[in-house]
Amino acid sequence: MSKLKKIPEFSSEAEERIFWESHDSSEYVNWGKAQPALFPGLKPSTKTISLRLPEGLLDRIKIEANKRDMPYQSLIKVWLSEDVENHR
């Protein structure tokens, strides 16, 4: 492998983004020495949605969430995630 180029100093994230959009990182980084990185505290991006539910259904969900001592929105996310995984 030839000698790697020095990564320039950037004054902002935007400046760095522009640089990497037009440069090949393999000229600056020895990817053969790269190791997988873990980010256990990183939370996935979320998007707010509006979901209309019958009041009776929402009441039953809130009761179930209360039994589990968790917010009802969290319980809905858990149930949706489990259902999607089970039906893939």
N, C-alpha and C. Protein backbone atom coordinates (compact mmCIF):
# COMPACT_ATOMS: atom_id res chain seq x y z
N MET A 1 0.85 -1.19 0.00
CA MET A 1 0.00 0.00 0.00
C MET A 1 0.89 1.24 0.00
N SER A 2 0.52 2.22 -0.77
CA SER A 2 1.30 3.45 -0.82
C SER A 2 1.06 4.27 0.44
N LYS A 3 1.87 5.30 0.59
CA LYS A 3 1.77 6.17 1.76
C LYS A 3 0.41 6.87 1.78
N LEU A 4 -0.19 6.86 2.96
CA LEU A 4 -1.51 7.48 3.12
C LEU A 4 -1.40 8.99 3.21
N LYS A 5 -2.39 9.67 2.67
CA LYS A 5 -2.46 11.12 2.75
C LYS A 5 -2.91 11.52 4.16
N LYS A 6 -2.49 12.70 4.59
CA LYS A 6 -2.89 13.21 5.90
C LYS A 6 -4.30 13.79 5.80
N ILE A 7 -5.16 13.40 6.75
CA ILE A 7 -6.52 13.95 6.79
C ILE A 7 -6.43 15.40 7.23
N PRO A 8 -7.02 16.31 6.47
CA PRO A 8 -6.94 17.72 6.85
C PRO A 8 -7.74 18.03 8.12
N GLU A 9 -7.44 19.15 8.72
CA GLU A 9 -8.21 19.63 9.87
C GLU A 9 -9.44 20.35 9.32
N PHE A 10 -10.58 20.12 9.97
CA PHE A 10 -11.82 20.74 9.52
C PHE A 10 -12.32 21.70 10.59
N SER A 11 -12.88 22.80 10.14
CA SER A 11 -13.39 23.79 11.10
C SER A 11 -14.84 23.51 11.50
N SER A 12 -15.50 22.60 10.76
CA SER A 12 -16.89 22.28 11.09
C SER A 12 -17.24 20.90 10.52
N GLU A 13 -18.31 20.35 11.02
CA GLU A 13 -18.79 19.08 10.49
C GLU A 13 -19.23 19.23 9.04
N ALA A 14 -19.83 20.37 8.73
CA ALA A 14 -20.27 20.62 7.35
C ALA A 14 -19.08 20.64 6.39
N GLU A 15 -17.98 21.27 6.81
CA GLU A 15 -16.78 21.30 5.98
C GLU A 15 -16.23 19.89 5.78
N GLU A 16 -16.23 19.09 6.82
CA GLU A 16 -15.75 17.71 6.71
C GLU A 16 -16.64 16.90 5.79
N ARG A 17 -17.94 17.08 5.90
CA ARG A 17 -18.90 16.37 5.04
C ARG A 17 -18.63 16.68 3.57
N ILE A 18 -18.43 17.94 3.26
CA ILE A 18 -18.15 18.35 1.88
C ILE A 18 -16.86 17.68 1.38
N PHE A 19 -15.84 17.65 2.23
CA PHE A 19 -14.58 17.03 1.86
C PHE A 19 -14.76 15.55 1.51
N TRP A 20 -15.43 14.79 2.40
CA TRP A 20 -15.56 13.35 2.18
C TRP A 20 -16.51 13.00 1.04
N GLU A 21 -17.38 13.93 0.66
CA GLU A 21 -18.25 13.70 -0.48
C GLU A 21 -17.46 13.66 -1.79
N SER A 22 -16.28 14.24 -1.80
CA SER A 22 -15.50 14.31 -3.04
C SER A 22 -14.13 13.64 -2.94
N HIS A 23 -13.86 12.91 -1.84
CA HIS A 23 -12.57 12.24 -1.67
C HIS A 23 -12.77 10.77 -1.29
N ASP A 24 -11.87 9.93 -1.74
CA ASP A 24 -11.90 8.50 -1.43
C ASP A 24 -11.17 8.27 -0.11
N SER A 25 -11.87 7.73 0.87
CA SER A 25 -11.27 7.54 2.20
C SER A 25 -10.12 6.55 2.19
N SER A 26 -10.06 5.65 1.21
CA SER A 26 -8.97 4.67 1.17
C SER A 26 -7.62 5.32 0.90
N GLU A 27 -7.62 6.56 0.43
CA GLU A 27 -6.36 7.30 0.26
C GLU A 27 -5.87 7.90 1.58
N TYR A 28 -6.74 7.89 2.60
CA TYR A 28 -6.44 8.53 3.87
C TYR A 28 -6.45 7.57 5.06
N VAL A 29 -7.11 6.44 4.91
CA VAL A 29 -7.28 5.50 6.02
C VAL A 29 -6.89 4.10 5.57
N ASN A 30 -6.13 3.39 6.41
CA ASN A 30 -5.79 2.00 6.13
C ASN A 30 -6.94 1.13 6.65
N TRP A 31 -7.90 0.84 5.79
CA TRP A 31 -9.09 0.09 6.22
C TRP A 31 -8.76 -1.35 6.56
N GLY A 32 -7.57 -1.84 6.15
CA GLY A 32 -7.16 -3.20 6.50
C GLY A 32 -6.93 -3.36 7.99
N LYS A 33 -6.69 -2.27 8.70
CA LYS A 33 -6.49 -2.31 10.15
C LYS A 33 -7.76 -1.96 10.92
N ALA A 34 -8.83 -1.69 10.21
CA ALA A 34 -10.08 -1.28 10.86
C ALA A 34 -10.67 -2.43 11.66
N GLN A 35 -11.34 -2.09 12.75
CA GLN A 35 -12.02 -3.07 13.59
C GLN A 35 -13.46 -2.63 13.76
N PRO A 36 -14.36 -3.60 13.95
CA PRO A 36 -15.76 -3.23 14.16
C PRO A 36 -15.91 -2.37 15.42
N ALA A 37 -16.80 -1.42 15.35
CA ALA A 37 -17.07 -0.54 16.49
C ALA A 37 -18.46 -0.82 17.02
N LEU A 38 -18.59 -0.78 18.34
CA LEU A 38 -19.89 -0.98 18.98
C LEU A 38 -20.30 0.32 19.65
N PHE A 39 -21.57 0.66 19.50
CA PHE A 39 -22.12 1.86 20.12
C PHE A 39 -23.35 1.47 20.91
N PRO A 40 -23.18 0.85 22.08
CA PRO A 40 -24.34 0.33 22.82
C PRO A 40 -25.31 1.39 23.29
N GLY A 41 -24.86 2.62 23.49
CA GLY A 41 -25.75 3.67 23.96
C GLY A 41 -26.46 4.42 22.86
N LEU A 42 -26.15 4.10 21.60
CA LEU A 42 -26.73 4.80 20.46
C LEU A 42 -28.17 4.35 20.25
N LYS A 43 -29.06 5.28 20.22
CA LYS A 43 -30.47 4.96 20.02
C LYS A 43 -30.85 5.21 18.57
N PRO A 44 -31.67 4.33 18.01
CA PRO A 44 -32.06 4.53 16.61
C PRO A 44 -32.91 5.80 16.45
N SER A 45 -32.83 6.38 15.29
CA SER A 45 -33.66 7.55 14.99
C SER A 45 -35.13 7.15 15.04
N THR A 46 -35.94 8.06 15.49
CA THR A 46 -37.37 7.79 15.54
C THR A 46 -38.11 8.85 14.74
N LYS A 47 -39.32 8.52 14.39
CA LYS A 47 -40.16 9.46 13.65
C LYS A 47 -41.53 9.47 14.33
N THR A 48 -42.03 10.63 14.56
CA THR A 48 -43.34 10.78 15.17
C THR A 48 -44.42 10.52 14.13
N ILE A 49 -45.41 9.71 14.51
CA ILE A 49 -46.54 9.45 13.63
C ILE A 49 -47.82 9.70 14.40
N SER A 50 -48.89 9.84 13.67
CA SER A 50 -50.20 9.98 14.28
C SER A 50 -50.96 8.68 14.00
N LEU A 51 -51.51 8.09 15.03
CA LEU A 51 -52.21 6.82 14.89
C LEU A 51 -53.55 6.93 15.60
N ARG A 52 -54.61 6.75 14.86
CA ARG A 52 -55.95 6.84 15.44
C ARG A 52 -56.38 5.44 15.88
N LEU A 53 -56.73 5.34 17.15
CA LEU A 53 -57.19 4.07 17.72
C LEU A 53 -58.56 4.27 18.35
N PRO A 54 -59.39 3.25 18.33
CA PRO A 54 -60.64 3.34 19.08
C PRO A 54 -60.33 3.56 20.56
N GLU A 55 -61.14 4.39 21.22
CA GLU A 55 -60.88 4.72 22.62
C GLU A 55 -60.81 3.48 23.50
N GLY A 56 -61.69 2.52 23.25
CA GLY A 56 -61.70 1.30 24.06
C GLY A 56 -60.40 0.52 23.93
N LEU A 57 -59.87 0.45 22.72
CA LEU A 57 -58.60 -0.24 22.50
C LEU A 57 -57.47 0.49 23.22
N LEU A 58 -57.44 1.80 23.09
CA LEU A 58 -56.40 2.57 23.76
C LEU A 58 -56.50 2.41 25.28
N ASP A 59 -57.70 2.39 25.81
CA ASP A 59 -57.88 2.18 27.24
C ASP A 59 -57.32 0.83 27.67
N ARG A 60 -57.58 -0.22 26.88
CA ARG A 60 -57.07 -1.55 27.22
C ARG A 60 -55.54 -1.59 27.13
N ILE A 61 -54.98 -0.90 26.14
CA ILE A 61 -53.53 -0.84 26.02
C ILE A 61 -52.93 -0.13 27.23
N LYS A 62 -53.56 0.97 27.65
CA LYS A 62 -53.05 1.71 28.81
C LYS A 62 -53.12 0.86 30.08
N ILE A 63 -54.16 0.04 30.22
CA ILE A 63 -54.28 -0.85 31.39
C ILE A 63 -53.14 -1.87 31.37
N GLU A 64 -52.89 -2.46 30.19
CA GLU A 64 -51.80 -3.44 30.07
C GLU A 64 -50.44 -2.79 30.36
N ALA A 65 -50.25 -1.59 29.86
CA ALA A 65 -48.99 -0.87 30.10
C ALA A 65 -48.82 -0.58 31.58
N ASN A 66 -49.91 -0.19 32.23
CA ASN A 66 -49.86 0.10 33.66
C ASN A 66 -49.48 -1.15 34.45
N LYS A 67 -50.00 -2.31 34.06
CA LYS A 67 -49.65 -3.57 34.73
C LYS A 67 -48.15 -3.85 34.61
N ARG A 68 -47.56 -3.43 33.50
CA ARG A 68 -46.14 -3.65 33.26
C ARG A 68 -45.28 -2.49 33.74
N ASP A 69 -45.91 -1.48 34.28
CA ASP A 69 -45.23 -0.27 34.78
C ASP A 69 -44.36 0.36 33.68
N MET A 70 -45.00 0.58 32.53
CA MET A 70 -44.30 1.22 31.42
C MET A 70 -45.26 2.14 30.67
N PRO A 71 -44.74 3.13 29.96
CA PRO A 71 -45.61 4.01 29.17
C PRO A 71 -46.33 3.22 28.07
N TYR A 72 -47.57 3.59 27.81
CA TYR A 72 -48.34 2.84 26.82
C TYR A 72 -47.73 2.93 25.42
N GLN A 73 -47.08 4.07 25.09
CA GLN A 73 -46.44 4.18 23.78
C GLN A 73 -45.31 3.16 23.65
N SER A 74 -44.57 2.95 24.74
CA SER A 74 -43.48 1.97 24.73
C SER A 74 -44.03 0.57 24.54
N LEU A 75 -45.13 0.26 25.19
CA LEU A 75 -45.74 -1.05 25.05
C LEU A 75 -46.20 -1.27 23.60
N ILE A 76 -46.78 -0.27 23.00
CA ILE A 76 -47.21 -0.38 21.60
C ILE A 76 -46.00 -0.67 20.72
N LYS A 77 -44.86 0.04 20.95
CA LYS A 77 -43.66 -0.20 20.16
C LYS A 77 -43.14 -1.63 20.34
N VAL A 78 -43.15 -2.12 21.57
CA VAL A 78 -42.70 -3.49 21.84
C VAL A 78 -43.58 -4.47 21.09
N TRP A 79 -44.89 -4.32 21.21
CA TRP A 79 -45.80 -5.24 20.54
C TRP A 79 -45.64 -5.19 19.02
N LEU A 80 -45.50 -4.00 18.46
CA LEU A 80 -45.31 -3.88 17.01
C LEU A 80 -44.01 -4.55 16.58
N SER A 81 -42.95 -4.30 17.32
CA SER A 81 -41.66 -4.88 16.98
C SER A 81 -41.71 -6.40 17.03
N GLU A 82 -42.30 -6.95 18.10
CA GLU A 82 -42.41 -8.40 18.24
C GLU A 82 -43.23 -8.99 17.10
N ASP A 83 -44.32 -8.35 16.76
CA ASP A 83 -45.19 -8.87 15.69
C ASP A 83 -44.47 -8.85 14.35
N VAL A 84 -43.75 -7.77 14.06
CA VAL A 84 -43.02 -7.69 12.79
C VAL A 84 -41.96 -8.78 12.74
N GLU A 85 -41.21 -8.98 13.83
CA GLU A 85 -40.17 -10.00 13.86
C GLU A 85 -40.76 -11.39 13.69
N ASN A 86 -41.91 -11.65 14.29
CA ASN A 86 -42.53 -12.98 14.22
C ASN A 86 -43.12 -13.27 12.85
N HIS A 87 -43.40 -12.24 12.06
CA HIS A 87 -44.04 -12.45 10.76
C HIS A 87 -43.11 -12.18 9.59
N ARG A 88 -41.84 -12.09 9.84
CA ARG A 88 -40.87 -11.85 8.74
C ARG A 88 -40.57 -13.13 8.02
